[in-house]
Amino acid sequence: MLLTGDDYDDICELKPLLHNSFHMKDLGPLTYFLGLEVHRSSRGYFICQQKYASDLVKLDGITNEKHVDTPLELNVKLSKSEGLILLDATLYRQLVGSLIYLTMTRLDISHAVQVVSQFAFGSRQSHMTAVRRIICYVRDTTSQGLFFSSSSSIQLRVYADADWAGCPDTRRSTTRWCVFMGDSLISWKCKKQQTLSKSSTEVEYRAMSSACGEIVWLKSLFIDLGISLPTPIPLYANNTNTIKIASNPVFYERTKHIEVDCHFIRDLLVVGSISLPHVASHMQIADHFTKAMTKSRHLILVGKLMLMSTHQFEGGV
């Protein structure tokens, strides 16, 4: 059980009441919970899953595999029909399930894990090779985690992006977005879209709409916490056509086939809840969730996501 609040005296009064009703032990300030390791300093909080990641590497038994710089091989498209079928996919499913849980603090592997998780059934050797590459990457970065700065502002900023027909089997695209509070990453998503889209503009518009749903939920959550968020909340997109579609409802011929529920982004614009600034493609942080990358590009975006190692946090880097 975790106890949290902004009044320390109230927390101290609550503890004896809980002890009277339940058999429990006070472990003091939070350091470990369900595989999450929590470190704190005057700079802020750092959350990682170092032990969990190490146990995952042991589960797979990786020892002598070579070092890799990125979780997914560049320009590789996994398909459900290529490669030899695994006679027993039990280990594959165990590893993928563990990797999914690891993405709670490891955004740098979220795209790769989203790709391999699609092949839990009908798994093939090529899929297992991709999983083992991810684990090799995790092996060399076990202490990587999320940093939450104590000096962050409460201003939200959101980045939304999507690939274009990225799945070779279904030709569906994948929505990616991430939400920052100040400099701290607090929410993200990486999920294949449920419908086919006719253009890259359309898939990115759907991604922006999905991000708007998260914005509405977060605003409601912060209201419950007694926090008023500054508005408008910027939703950054790198496709100028999607911004024009959202800002101009006259584009009927180009958008009449898109579901009505996608267009609630326009309502948020009208009431001033969000703004839609353009961001250059090389500055689009959500781009990290859309495809495999080169080492240099991968490292740049990892830094922008506020991911760091335990050593960097303790050393104040």
C-alpha atoms as a PDB file:
ATOM      1  CA  MET A   1       0.000   0.000   0.000  1.00  0.00           C
ATOM      2  CA  LEU A   2       1.196   3.495  -0.872  1.00  0.00           C
ATOM      3  CA  LEU A   3       0.249   6.569   1.131  1.00  0.00           C
ATOM      4  CA  THR A   4       0.656   9.971  -0.464  1.00  0.00           C
ATOM      5  CA  GLY A   5      -0.606  13.460   0.189  1.00  0.00           C
ATOM      6  CA  ASP A   6       0.348  17.086   0.669  1.00  0.00           C
ATOM      7  CA  ASP A   7      -0.207  17.123   4.454  1.00  0.00           C
ATOM      8  CA  TYR A   8       2.377  15.100   6.364  1.00  0.00           C
ATOM      9  CA  ASP A   9       0.486  15.414   9.668  1.00  0.00           C
ATOM     10  CA  ASP A  10      -2.636  13.876   8.127  1.00  0.00           C
ATOM     11  CA  ILE A  11      -0.584  10.951   6.831  1.00  0.00           C
ATOM     12  CA  CYS A  12       0.910  10.394  10.291  1.00  0.00           C
ATOM     13  CA  GLU A  13      -2.593  10.361  11.811  1.00  0.00           C
ATOM     14  CA  LEU A  14      -3.842   7.872   9.225  1.00  0.00           C
ATOM     15  CA  LYS A  15      -1.098   5.302   9.785  1.00  0.00           C
ATOM     16  CA  PRO A  16      -2.193   4.221  13.323  1.00  0.00           C
ATOM     17  CA  LEU A  17      -5.768   3.832  12.111  1.00  0.00           C
ATOM     18  CA  LEU A  18      -4.606   1.460   9.385  1.00  0.00           C
ATOM     19  CA  HIS A  19      -2.404  -0.459  11.827  1.00  0.00           C
ATOM     20  CA  ASN A  20      -5.399  -0.992  14.109  1.00  0.00           C
ATOM     21  CA  SER A  21      -7.413  -2.580  11.297  1.00  0.00           C
ATOM     22  CA  PHE A  22      -4.752  -4.415   9.290  1.00  0.00           C
ATOM     23  CA  HIS A  23      -1.560  -6.313  10.004  1.00  0.00           C
ATOM     24  CA  MET A  24       1.057  -4.211   8.235  1.00  0.00           C
ATOM     25  CA  LYS A  25       4.551  -2.798   8.546  1.00  0.00           C
ATOM     26  CA  ASP A  26       5.633   0.768   7.852  1.00  0.00           C
ATOM     27  CA  LEU A  27       8.533   0.593   5.388  1.00  0.00           C
ATOM     28  CA  GLY A  28       9.169   4.324   5.398  1.00  0.00           C
ATOM     29  CA  PRO A  29       9.622   6.476   2.272  1.00  0.00           C
ATOM     30  CA  LEU A  30       8.901   4.698  -1.008  1.00  0.00           C
ATOM     31  CA  THR A  31      11.919   2.962  -2.546  1.00  0.00           C
ATOM     32  CA  TYR A  32      10.483  -0.120  -4.281  1.00  0.00           C
ATOM     33  CA  PHE A  33       6.989  -1.051  -5.458  1.00  0.00           C
ATOM     34  CA  LEU A  34       5.904  -3.769  -7.910  1.00  0.00           C
ATOM     35  CA  GLY A  35       9.259  -3.781  -9.681  1.00  0.00           C
ATOM     36  CA  LEU A  36       9.557   0.009  -9.729  1.00  0.00           C
ATOM     37  CA  GLU A  37      12.634   1.439  -8.011  1.00  0.00           C
ATOM     38  CA  VAL A  38      12.197   4.993  -6.747  1.00  0.00           C
ATOM     39  CA  HIS A  39      15.140   7.318  -6.072  1.00  0.00           C
ATOM     40  CA  ARG A  40      14.830  10.869  -4.791  1.00  0.00           C
ATOM     41  CA  SER A  41      17.039  13.905  -4.390  1.00  0.00           C
ATOM     42  CA  SER A  42      16.652  17.668  -4.281  1.00  0.00           C
ATOM     43  CA  ARG A  43      16.564  17.578  -8.094  1.00  0.00           C
ATOM     44  CA  GLY A  44      13.470  15.380  -8.226  1.00  0.00           C
ATOM     45  CA  TYR A  45      12.475  11.740  -8.560  1.00  0.00           C
ATOM     46  CA  PHE A  46      13.984   8.986 -10.669  1.00  0.00           C
ATOM     47  CA  ILE A  47      12.018   5.790 -11.370  1.00  0.00           C
ATOM     48  CA  CYS A  48      13.541   2.736 -13.023  1.00  0.00           C
ATOM     49  CA  GLN A  49      13.113  -1.051 -13.186  1.00  0.00           C
ATOM     50  CA  GLN A  50      16.753  -2.102 -12.980  1.00  0.00           C
ATOM     51  CA  LYS A  51      16.241  -5.345 -11.037  1.00  0.00           C
ATOM     52  CA  TYR A  52      13.241  -6.271 -13.171  1.00  0.00           C
ATOM     53  CA  ALA A  53      15.255  -5.664 -16.347  1.00  0.00           C
ATOM     54  CA  SER A  54      18.153  -7.766 -15.033  1.00  0.00           C
ATOM     55  CA  ASP A  55      15.776 -10.619 -14.176  1.00  0.00           C
ATOM     56  CA  LEU A  56      14.323 -10.415 -17.683  1.00  0.00           C
ATOM     57  CA  VAL A  57      17.787 -10.786 -19.213  1.00  0.00           C
ATOM     58  CA  LYS A  58      18.390 -13.847 -17.016  1.00  0.00           C
ATOM     59  CA  LEU A  59      15.048 -15.339 -18.091  1.00  0.00           C
ATOM     60  CA  ASP A  60      16.135 -15.273 -21.717  1.00  0.00           C
ATOM     61  CA  GLY A  61      19.612 -16.559 -20.888  1.00  0.00           C
ATOM     62  CA  ILE A  62      21.426 -14.036 -23.074  1.00  0.00           C
ATOM     63  CA  THR A  63      25.171 -14.126 -22.445  1.00  0.00           C
ATOM     64  CA  ASN A  64      27.462 -13.638 -25.420  1.00  0.00           C
ATOM     65  CA  GLU A  65      25.204 -11.751 -27.833  1.00  0.00           C
ATOM     66  CA  LYS A  66      26.848  -8.649 -29.248  1.00  0.00           C
ATOM     67  CA  HIS A  67      26.137  -5.118 -28.066  1.00  0.00           C
ATOM     68  CA  VAL A  68      23.388  -3.204 -29.896  1.00  0.00           C
ATOM     69  CA  ASP A  69      22.814   0.551 -29.838  1.00  0.00           C
ATOM     70  CA  THR A  70      19.088   0.557 -30.609  1.00  0.00           C
ATOM     71  CA  PRO A  71      16.200  -1.770 -29.686  1.00  0.00           C
ATOM     72  CA  LEU A  72      15.039  -2.376 -33.266  1.00  0.00           C
ATOM     73  CA  GLU A  73      17.083  -3.028 -36.377  1.00  0.00           C
ATOM     74  CA  LEU A  74      16.918  -0.256 -38.943  1.00  0.00           C
ATOM     75  CA  ASN A  75      14.622  -0.774 -41.973  1.00  0.00           C
ATOM     76  CA  VAL A  76      13.311  -4.150 -40.759  1.00  0.00           C
ATOM     77  CA  LYS A  77       9.591  -4.822 -41.245  1.00  0.00           C
ATOM     78  CA  LEU A  78       8.338  -7.870 -39.357  1.00  0.00           C
ATOM     79  CA  SER A  79       5.561  -9.872 -40.979  1.00  0.00           C
ATOM     80  CA  LYS A  80       3.288 -12.624 -39.687  1.00  0.00           C
ATOM     81  CA  SER A  81       4.170 -14.855 -42.642  1.00  0.00           C
ATOM     82  CA  GLU A  82       7.977 -14.641 -42.922  1.00  0.00           C
ATOM     83  CA  GLY A  83      10.359 -17.039 -41.195  1.00  0.00           C
ATOM     84  CA  LEU A  84      10.071 -20.452 -39.570  1.00  0.00           C
ATOM     85  CA  ILE A  85       7.233 -20.957 -37.087  1.00  0.00           C
ATOM     86  CA  LEU A  86       8.322 -21.470 -33.474  1.00  0.00           C
ATOM     87  CA  LEU A  87       7.325 -24.957 -32.332  1.00  0.00           C
ATOM     88  CA  ASP A  88       6.879 -23.669 -28.780  1.00  0.00           C
ATOM     89  CA  ALA A  89       6.113 -19.963 -28.363  1.00  0.00           C
ATOM     90  CA  THR A  90       5.826 -20.077 -24.555  1.00  0.00           C
ATOM     91  CA  LEU A  91       9.138 -18.307 -23.948  1.00  0.00           C
ATOM     92  CA  TYR A  92       8.323 -15.750 -26.641  1.00  0.00           C
ATOM     93  CA  ARG A  93       5.086 -14.815 -24.893  1.00  0.00           C
ATOM     94  CA  GLN A  94       6.796 -14.656 -21.499  1.00  0.00           C
ATOM     95  CA  LEU A  95       9.497 -12.345 -22.808  1.00  0.00           C
ATOM     96  CA  VAL A  96       7.068 -10.074 -24.651  1.00  0.00           C
ATOM     97  CA  GLY A  97       4.792  -9.844 -21.605  1.00  0.00           C
ATOM     98  CA  SER A  98       7.754  -8.881 -19.437  1.00  0.00           C
ATOM     99  CA  LEU A  99       8.909  -6.312 -21.987  1.00  0.00           C
ATOM    100  CA  ILE A 100       5.443  -4.738 -22.025  1.00  0.00           C
ATOM    101  CA  TYR A 101       5.658  -4.214 -18.258  1.00  0.00           C
ATOM    102  CA  LEU A 102       9.157  -2.802 -18.646  1.00  0.00           C
ATOM    103  CA  THR A 103       7.815  -0.055 -20.927  1.00  0.00           C
ATOM    104  CA  MET A 104       6.291   1.558 -17.825  1.00  0.00           C
ATOM    105  CA  THR A 105       9.622   3.347 -17.423  1.00  0.00           C
ATOM    106  CA  ARG A 106      11.405   2.473 -20.679  1.00  0.00           C
ATOM    107  CA  LEU A 107       9.907   4.603 -23.421  1.00  0.00           C
ATOM    108  CA  ASP A 108      12.976   3.949 -25.534  1.00  0.00           C
ATOM    109  CA  ILE A 109      11.763   0.384 -26.225  1.00  0.00           C
ATOM    110  CA  SER A 110       8.022   1.081 -26.525  1.00  0.00           C
ATOM    111  CA  HIS A 111       7.916   1.072 -30.332  1.00  0.00           C
ATOM    112  CA  ALA A 112       9.956  -2.112 -30.632  1.00  0.00           C
ATOM    113  CA  VAL A 113       7.826  -3.857 -28.000  1.00  0.00           C
ATOM    114  CA  GLN A 114       4.626  -2.718 -29.707  1.00  0.00           C
ATOM    115  CA  VAL A 115       5.868  -4.335 -32.911  1.00  0.00           C
ATOM    116  CA  VAL A 116       6.821  -7.732 -31.438  1.00  0.00           C
ATOM    117  CA  SER A 117       3.705  -7.913 -29.237  1.00  0.00           C
ATOM    118  CA  GLN A 118       1.590  -8.338 -32.373  1.00  0.00           C
ATOM    119  CA  PHE A 119       3.011 -11.824 -32.913  1.00  0.00           C
ATOM    120  CA  ALA A 120       2.128 -13.550 -29.633  1.00  0.00           C
ATOM    121  CA  PHE A 121       0.251 -16.110 -31.729  1.00  0.00           C
ATOM    122  CA  GLY A 122       1.824 -17.564 -34.841  1.00  0.00           C
ATOM    123  CA  SER A 123       5.247 -16.489 -33.572  1.00  0.00           C
ATOM    124  CA  ARG A 124       8.166 -17.075 -35.919  1.00  0.00           C
ATOM    125  CA  GLN A 125      11.923 -17.207 -35.606  1.00  0.00           C
ATOM    126  CA  SER A 126      12.283 -13.719 -37.083  1.00  0.00           C
ATOM    127  CA  HIS A 127      10.040 -12.391 -34.324  1.00  0.00           C
ATOM    128  CA  MET A 128      12.116 -14.103 -31.625  1.00  0.00           C
ATOM    129  CA  THR A 129      15.264 -12.616 -33.162  1.00  0.00           C
ATOM    130  CA  ALA A 130      13.711  -9.152 -32.823  1.00  0.00           C
ATOM    131  CA  VAL A 131      12.737  -9.840 -29.189  1.00  0.00           C
ATOM    132  CA  ARG A 132      16.266 -10.951 -28.369  1.00  0.00           C
ATOM    133  CA  ARG A 133      17.664  -7.781 -29.903  1.00  0.00           C
ATOM    134  CA  ILE A 134      15.420  -5.733 -27.604  1.00  0.00           C
ATOM    135  CA  ILE A 135      16.642  -7.744 -24.620  1.00  0.00           C
ATOM    136  CA  CYS A 136      20.264  -7.251 -25.700  1.00  0.00           C
ATOM    137  CA  TYR A 137      19.590  -3.513 -25.706  1.00  0.00           C
ATOM    138  CA  VAL A 138      17.940  -3.756 -22.274  1.00  0.00           C
ATOM    139  CA  ARG A 139      20.912  -5.777 -20.974  1.00  0.00           C
ATOM    140  CA  ASP A 140      23.249  -2.881 -21.749  1.00  0.00           C
ATOM    141  CA  THR A 141      20.878  -0.211 -20.361  1.00  0.00           C
ATOM    142  CA  THR A 142      19.273  -1.890 -17.327  1.00  0.00           C
ATOM    143  CA  SER A 143      19.487   1.226 -15.137  1.00  0.00           C
ATOM    144  CA  GLN A 144      17.706   3.470 -17.625  1.00  0.00           C
ATOM    145  CA  GLY A 145      14.600   5.166 -16.239  1.00  0.00           C
ATOM    146  CA  LEU A 146      12.408   8.257 -16.078  1.00  0.00           C
ATOM    147  CA  PHE A 147      13.401  11.488 -14.361  1.00  0.00           C
ATOM    148  CA  PHE A 148      10.762  13.794 -12.865  1.00  0.00           C
ATOM    149  CA  SER A 149      12.205  17.203 -12.087  1.00  0.00           C
ATOM    150  CA  SER A 150      11.180  18.950  -8.868  1.00  0.00           C
ATOM    151  CA  SER A 151      11.416  22.275 -10.694  1.00  0.00           C
ATOM    152  CA  SER A 152       9.038  21.393 -13.547  1.00  0.00           C
ATOM    153  CA  SER A 153       6.189  23.764 -14.296  1.00  0.00           C
ATOM    154  CA  ILE A 154       2.577  22.535 -14.509  1.00  0.00           C
ATOM    155  CA  GLN A 155       2.275  23.548 -18.161  1.00  0.00           C
ATOM    156  CA  LEU A 156       1.327  20.558 -20.303  1.00  0.00           C
ATOM    157  CA  ARG A 157       2.689  20.093 -23.805  1.00  0.00           C
ATOM    158  CA  VAL A 158       1.727  17.251 -26.100  1.00  0.00           C
ATOM    159  CA  TYR A 159       3.377  15.735 -29.169  1.00  0.00           C
ATOM    160  CA  ALA A 160       1.434  13.525 -31.600  1.00  0.00           C
ATOM    161  CA  ASP A 161       2.638  11.606 -34.636  1.00  0.00           C
ATOM    162  CA  ALA A 162       1.927   8.460 -36.659  1.00  0.00           C
ATOM    163  CA  ASP A 163       3.647   6.283 -39.198  1.00  0.00           C
ATOM    164  CA  TRP A 164       2.069   5.676 -42.609  1.00  0.00           C
ATOM    165  CA  ALA A 165       0.756   2.163 -43.383  1.00  0.00           C
ATOM    166  CA  GLY A 166       3.588   0.797 -41.282  1.00  0.00           C
ATOM    167  CA  CYS A 167       2.190  -2.710 -40.819  1.00  0.00           C
ATOM    168  CA  PRO A 168       3.139  -4.827 -43.874  1.00  0.00           C
ATOM    169  CA  ASP A 169       0.300  -7.283 -43.183  1.00  0.00           C
ATOM    170  CA  THR A 170      -2.665  -4.943 -42.616  1.00  0.00           C
ATOM    171  CA  ARG A 171      -1.286  -1.623 -43.934  1.00  0.00           C
ATOM    172  CA  ARG A 172      -2.650   0.015 -40.821  1.00  0.00           C
ATOM    173  CA  SER A 173      -0.804   2.868 -39.182  1.00  0.00           C
ATOM    174  CA  THR A 174       0.253   3.355 -35.583  1.00  0.00           C
ATOM    175  CA  THR A 175      -0.701   6.254 -33.324  1.00  0.00           C
ATOM    176  CA  ARG A 176       2.025   7.708 -31.100  1.00  0.00           C
ATOM    177  CA  TRP A 177       1.788  10.565 -28.654  1.00  0.00           C
ATOM    178  CA  CYS A 178       3.437  11.718 -25.440  1.00  0.00           C
ATOM    179  CA  VAL A 179       2.506  14.274 -22.789  1.00  0.00           C
ATOM    180  CA  PHE A 180       4.947  16.382 -20.781  1.00  0.00           C
ATOM    181  CA  MET A 181       4.299  18.388 -17.634  1.00  0.00           C
ATOM    182  CA  GLY A 182       7.034  20.951 -17.808  1.00  0.00           C
ATOM    183  CA  ASP A 183      10.095  18.878 -18.674  1.00  0.00           C
ATOM    184  CA  SER A 184       8.734  15.638 -17.184  1.00  0.00           C
ATOM    185  CA  LEU A 185       7.094  12.946 -19.288  1.00  0.00           C
ATOM    186  CA  ILE A 186       3.849  11.839 -17.602  1.00  0.00           C
ATOM    187  CA  SER A 187       1.823   9.967 -20.240  1.00  0.00           C
ATOM    188  CA  TRP A 188       2.294   8.280 -23.625  1.00  0.00           C
ATOM    189  CA  LYS A 189       0.698   5.891 -26.088  1.00  0.00           C
ATOM    190  CA  CYS A 190       1.841   3.643 -28.908  1.00  0.00           C
ATOM    191  CA  LYS A 191      -1.015   1.701 -30.527  1.00  0.00           C
ATOM    192  CA  LYS A 192      -2.017   0.473 -33.969  1.00  0.00           C
ATOM    193  CA  GLN A 193      -5.028   2.305 -35.392  1.00  0.00           C
ATOM    194  CA  GLN A 194      -8.219   0.280 -35.795  1.00  0.00           C
ATOM    195  CA  THR A 195      -9.036   1.529 -39.284  1.00  0.00           C
ATOM    196  CA  LEU A 196      -7.228   1.969 -42.576  1.00  0.00           C
ATOM    197  CA  SER A 197      -6.493   5.523 -43.630  1.00  0.00           C
ATOM    198  CA  LYS A 198      -6.165   6.903 -47.125  1.00  0.00           C
ATOM    199  CA  SER A 199      -3.289   9.307 -46.516  1.00  0.00           C
ATOM    200  CA  SER A 200      -0.516  10.198 -44.104  1.00  0.00           C
ATOM    201  CA  THR A 201      -2.438  13.363 -43.281  1.00  0.00           C
ATOM    202  CA  GLU A 202      -5.418  11.314 -42.147  1.00  0.00           C
ATOM    203  CA  VAL A 203      -3.400   8.972 -39.912  1.00  0.00           C
ATOM    204  CA  GLU A 204      -1.703  11.896 -38.189  1.00  0.00           C
ATOM    205  CA  TYR A 205      -5.071  13.591 -37.731  1.00  0.00           C
ATOM    206  CA  ARG A 206      -6.337  10.454 -35.982  1.00  0.00           C
ATOM    207  CA  ALA A 207      -3.236  10.475 -33.791  1.00  0.00           C
ATOM    208  CA  MET A 208      -3.897  14.098 -32.824  1.00  0.00           C
ATOM    209  CA  SER A 209      -7.501  13.229 -32.011  1.00  0.00           C
ATOM    210  CA  SER A 210      -6.366  10.388 -29.756  1.00  0.00           C
ATOM    211  CA  ALA A 211      -3.986  12.759 -27.972  1.00  0.00           C
ATOM    212  CA  CYS A 212      -6.861  15.186 -27.434  1.00  0.00           C
ATOM    213  CA  GLY A 213      -8.734  12.458 -25.586  1.00  0.00           C
ATOM    214  CA  GLU A 214      -5.808  12.174 -23.180  1.00  0.00           C
ATOM    215  CA  ILE A 215      -5.709  15.945 -22.744  1.00  0.00           C
ATOM    216  CA  VAL A 216      -9.385  16.012 -21.735  1.00  0.00           C
ATOM    217  CA  TRP A 217      -8.827  13.187 -19.232  1.00  0.00           C
ATOM    218  CA  LEU A 218      -5.726  14.804 -17.724  1.00  0.00           C
ATOM    219  CA  LYS A 219      -7.516  18.131 -17.308  1.00  0.00           C
ATOM    220  CA  SER A 220     -10.296  16.337 -15.433  1.00  0.00           C
ATOM    221  CA  LEU A 221      -7.758  14.481 -13.272  1.00  0.00           C
ATOM    222  CA  PHE A 222      -5.936  17.668 -12.312  1.00  0.00           C
ATOM    223  CA  ILE A 223      -9.227  19.387 -11.474  1.00  0.00           C
ATOM    224  CA  ASP A 224      -9.913  16.545  -9.021  1.00  0.00           C
ATOM    225  CA  LEU A 225      -6.462  17.197  -7.534  1.00  0.00           C
ATOM    226  CA  GLY A 226      -7.250  20.888  -7.162  1.00  0.00           C
ATOM    227  CA  ILE A 227      -4.804  21.961  -9.874  1.00  0.00           C
ATOM    228  CA  SER A 228      -5.763  24.383 -12.623  1.00  0.00           C
ATOM    229  CA  LEU A 229      -3.711  23.789 -15.764  1.00  0.00           C
ATOM    230  CA  PRO A 230      -2.617  26.728 -17.928  1.00  0.00           C
ATOM    231  CA  THR A 231      -4.467  26.859 -21.250  1.00  0.00           C
ATOM    232  CA  PRO A 232      -4.340  26.548 -24.142  1.00  0.00           C
ATOM    233  CA  ILE A 233      -2.384  23.306 -24.011  1.00  0.00           C
ATOM    234  CA  PRO A 234      -0.075  23.089 -27.056  1.00  0.00           C
ATOM    235  CA  LEU A 235      -0.491  19.960 -29.182  1.00  0.00           C
ATOM    236  CA  TYR A 236       2.541  19.805 -31.475  1.00  0.00           C
ATOM    237  CA  ALA A 237       2.204  18.246 -34.928  1.00  0.00           C
ATOM    238  CA  ASN A 238       4.661  18.168 -37.808  1.00  0.00           C
ATOM    239  CA  ASN A 239       2.068  17.764 -40.575  1.00  0.00           C
ATOM    240  CA  THR A 240       0.748  21.169 -41.642  1.00  0.00           C
ATOM    241  CA  ASN A 241      -2.226  19.620 -43.452  1.00  0.00           C
ATOM    242  CA  THR A 242      -3.539  18.025 -40.264  1.00  0.00           C
ATOM    243  CA  ILE A 243      -3.363  21.389 -38.519  1.00  0.00           C
ATOM    244  CA  LYS A 244      -5.319  22.993 -41.379  1.00  0.00           C
ATOM    245  CA  ILE A 245      -7.979  20.266 -41.289  1.00  0.00           C
ATOM    246  CA  ALA A 246      -8.455  20.665 -37.553  1.00  0.00           C
ATOM    247  CA  SER A 247      -8.572  24.458 -37.810  1.00  0.00           C
ATOM    248  CA  ASN A 248     -10.822  24.686 -40.868  1.00  0.00           C
ATOM    249  CA  PRO A 249     -14.086  22.654 -40.892  1.00  0.00           C
ATOM    250  CA  VAL A 250     -14.782  23.732 -44.489  1.00  0.00           C
ATOM    251  CA  PHE A 251     -12.506  20.947 -45.853  1.00  0.00           C
ATOM    252  CA  TYR A 252     -15.528  18.695 -46.380  1.00  0.00           C
ATOM    253  CA  GLU A 253     -14.375  16.708 -49.418  1.00  0.00           C
ATOM    254  CA  ARG A 254     -11.114  15.766 -47.739  1.00  0.00           C
ATOM    255  CA  THR A 255     -12.594  14.789 -44.380  1.00  0.00           C
ATOM    256  CA  LYS A 256     -16.150  13.568 -44.955  1.00  0.00           C
ATOM    257  CA  HIS A 257     -15.116   9.913 -44.569  1.00  0.00           C
ATOM    258  CA  ILE A 258     -13.473  10.473 -41.176  1.00  0.00           C
ATOM    259  CA  GLU A 259     -15.632   9.535 -38.194  1.00  0.00           C
ATOM    260  CA  VAL A 260     -17.396  12.365 -36.406  1.00  0.00           C
ATOM    261  CA  ASP A 261     -15.759  11.511 -33.074  1.00  0.00           C
ATOM    262  CA  CYS A 262     -12.365  12.386 -34.560  1.00  0.00           C
ATOM    263  CA  HIS A 263     -13.481  15.962 -35.041  1.00  0.00           C
ATOM    264  CA  PHE A 264     -13.959  16.848 -31.383  1.00  0.00           C
ATOM    265  CA  ILE A 265     -10.450  18.296 -31.650  1.00  0.00           C
ATOM    266  CA  ARG A 266     -12.140  21.242 -33.367  1.00  0.00           C
ATOM    267  CA  ASP A 267     -14.354  21.842 -30.336  1.00  0.00           C
ATOM    268  CA  LEU A 268     -11.283  21.970 -28.102  1.00  0.00           C
ATOM    269  CA  LEU A 269      -9.754  24.542 -30.424  1.00  0.00           C
ATOM    270  CA  VAL A 270     -12.889  26.689 -30.402  1.00  0.00           C
ATOM    271  CA  VAL A 271     -13.121  26.820 -26.600  1.00  0.00           C
ATOM    272  CA  GLY A 272      -9.398  27.523 -26.273  1.00  0.00           C
ATOM    273  CA  SER A 273      -8.460  24.302 -24.479  1.00  0.00           C
ATOM    274  CA  ILE A 274      -5.696  23.513 -26.972  1.00  0.00           C
ATOM    275  CA  SER A 275      -3.536  25.166 -29.586  1.00  0.00           C
ATOM    276  CA  LEU A 276      -1.924  23.488 -32.589  1.00  0.00           C
ATOM    277  CA  PRO A 277       1.611  24.808 -33.093  1.00  0.00           C
ATOM    278  CA  HIS A 278       3.675  23.282 -35.874  1.00  0.00           C
ATOM    279  CA  VAL A 279       6.907  21.497 -35.014  1.00  0.00           C
ATOM    280  CA  ALA A 280       9.615  20.522 -37.494  1.00  0.00           C
ATOM    281  CA  SER A 281       9.897  16.788 -38.140  1.00  0.00           C
ATOM    282  CA  HIS A 282      13.371  16.563 -36.610  1.00  0.00           C
ATOM    283  CA  MET A 283      11.997  18.167 -33.417  1.00  0.00           C
ATOM    284  CA  GLN A 284       8.942  15.895 -33.186  1.00  0.00           C
ATOM    285  CA  ILE A 285       9.519  13.967 -29.962  1.00  0.00           C
ATOM    286  CA  ALA A 286       6.718  11.478 -30.688  1.00  0.00           C
ATOM    287  CA  ASP A 287       8.732  10.414 -33.726  1.00  0.00           C
ATOM    288  CA  HIS A 288      10.630   8.090 -31.371  1.00  0.00           C
ATOM    289  CA  PHE A 289       7.532   5.878 -31.223  1.00  0.00           C
ATOM    290  CA  THR A 290       7.016   5.533 -34.978  1.00  0.00           C
ATOM    291  CA  LYS A 291       9.997   3.673 -36.397  1.00  0.00           C
ATOM    292  CA  ALA A 292      13.441   2.181 -35.898  1.00  0.00           C
ATOM    293  CA  MET A 293      16.198   4.787 -35.792  1.00  0.00           C
ATOM    294  CA  THR A 294      19.893   5.321 -36.202  1.00  0.00           C
ATOM    295  CA  LYS A 295      22.013   5.414 -33.047  1.00  0.00           C
ATOM    296  CA  SER A 296      22.499   9.193 -33.158  1.00  0.00           C
ATOM    297  CA  ARG A 297      18.805   9.968 -33.686  1.00  0.00           C
ATOM    298  CA  HIS A 298      17.826   7.441 -31.009  1.00  0.00           C
ATOM    299  CA  LEU A 299      20.133   9.031 -28.417  1.00  0.00           C
ATOM    300  CA  ILE A 300      18.860  12.534 -29.165  1.00  0.00           C
ATOM    301  CA  LEU A 301      15.232  11.561 -28.617  1.00  0.00           C
ATOM    302  CA  VAL A 302      16.032   9.481 -25.520  1.00  0.00           C
ATOM    303  CA  GLY A 303      17.447  12.653 -23.991  1.00  0.00           C
ATOM    304  CA  LYS A 304      14.360  14.669 -24.934  1.00  0.00           C
ATOM    305  CA  LEU A 305      12.153  12.040 -23.261  1.00  0.00           C
ATOM    306  CA  MET A 306      14.003  12.722 -19.971  1.00  0.00           C
ATOM    307  CA  LEU A 307      15.354   9.174 -19.833  1.00  0.00           C
ATOM    308  CA  MET A 308      18.618   8.717 -17.966  1.00  0.00           C
ATOM    309  CA  SER A 309      20.588   6.100 -16.046  1.00  0.00           C
ATOM    310  CA  THR A 310      20.823   5.712 -12.275  1.00  0.00           C
ATOM    311  CA  HIS A 311      24.449   6.870 -12.503  1.00  0.00           C
ATOM    312  CA  GLN A 312      23.436  10.042 -14.338  1.00  0.00           C
ATOM    313  CA  PHE A 313      20.750  10.808 -11.746  1.00  0.00           C
ATOM    314  CA  GLU A 314      23.050  10.245  -8.783  1.00  0.00           C
ATOM    315  CA  GLY A 315      25.842  12.192 -10.445  1.00  0.00           C
ATOM    316  CA  GLY A 316      23.605  15.121 -11.278  1.00  0.00           C
ATOM    317  CA  VAL A 317      24.205  14.862 -15.036  1.00  0.00           C
END
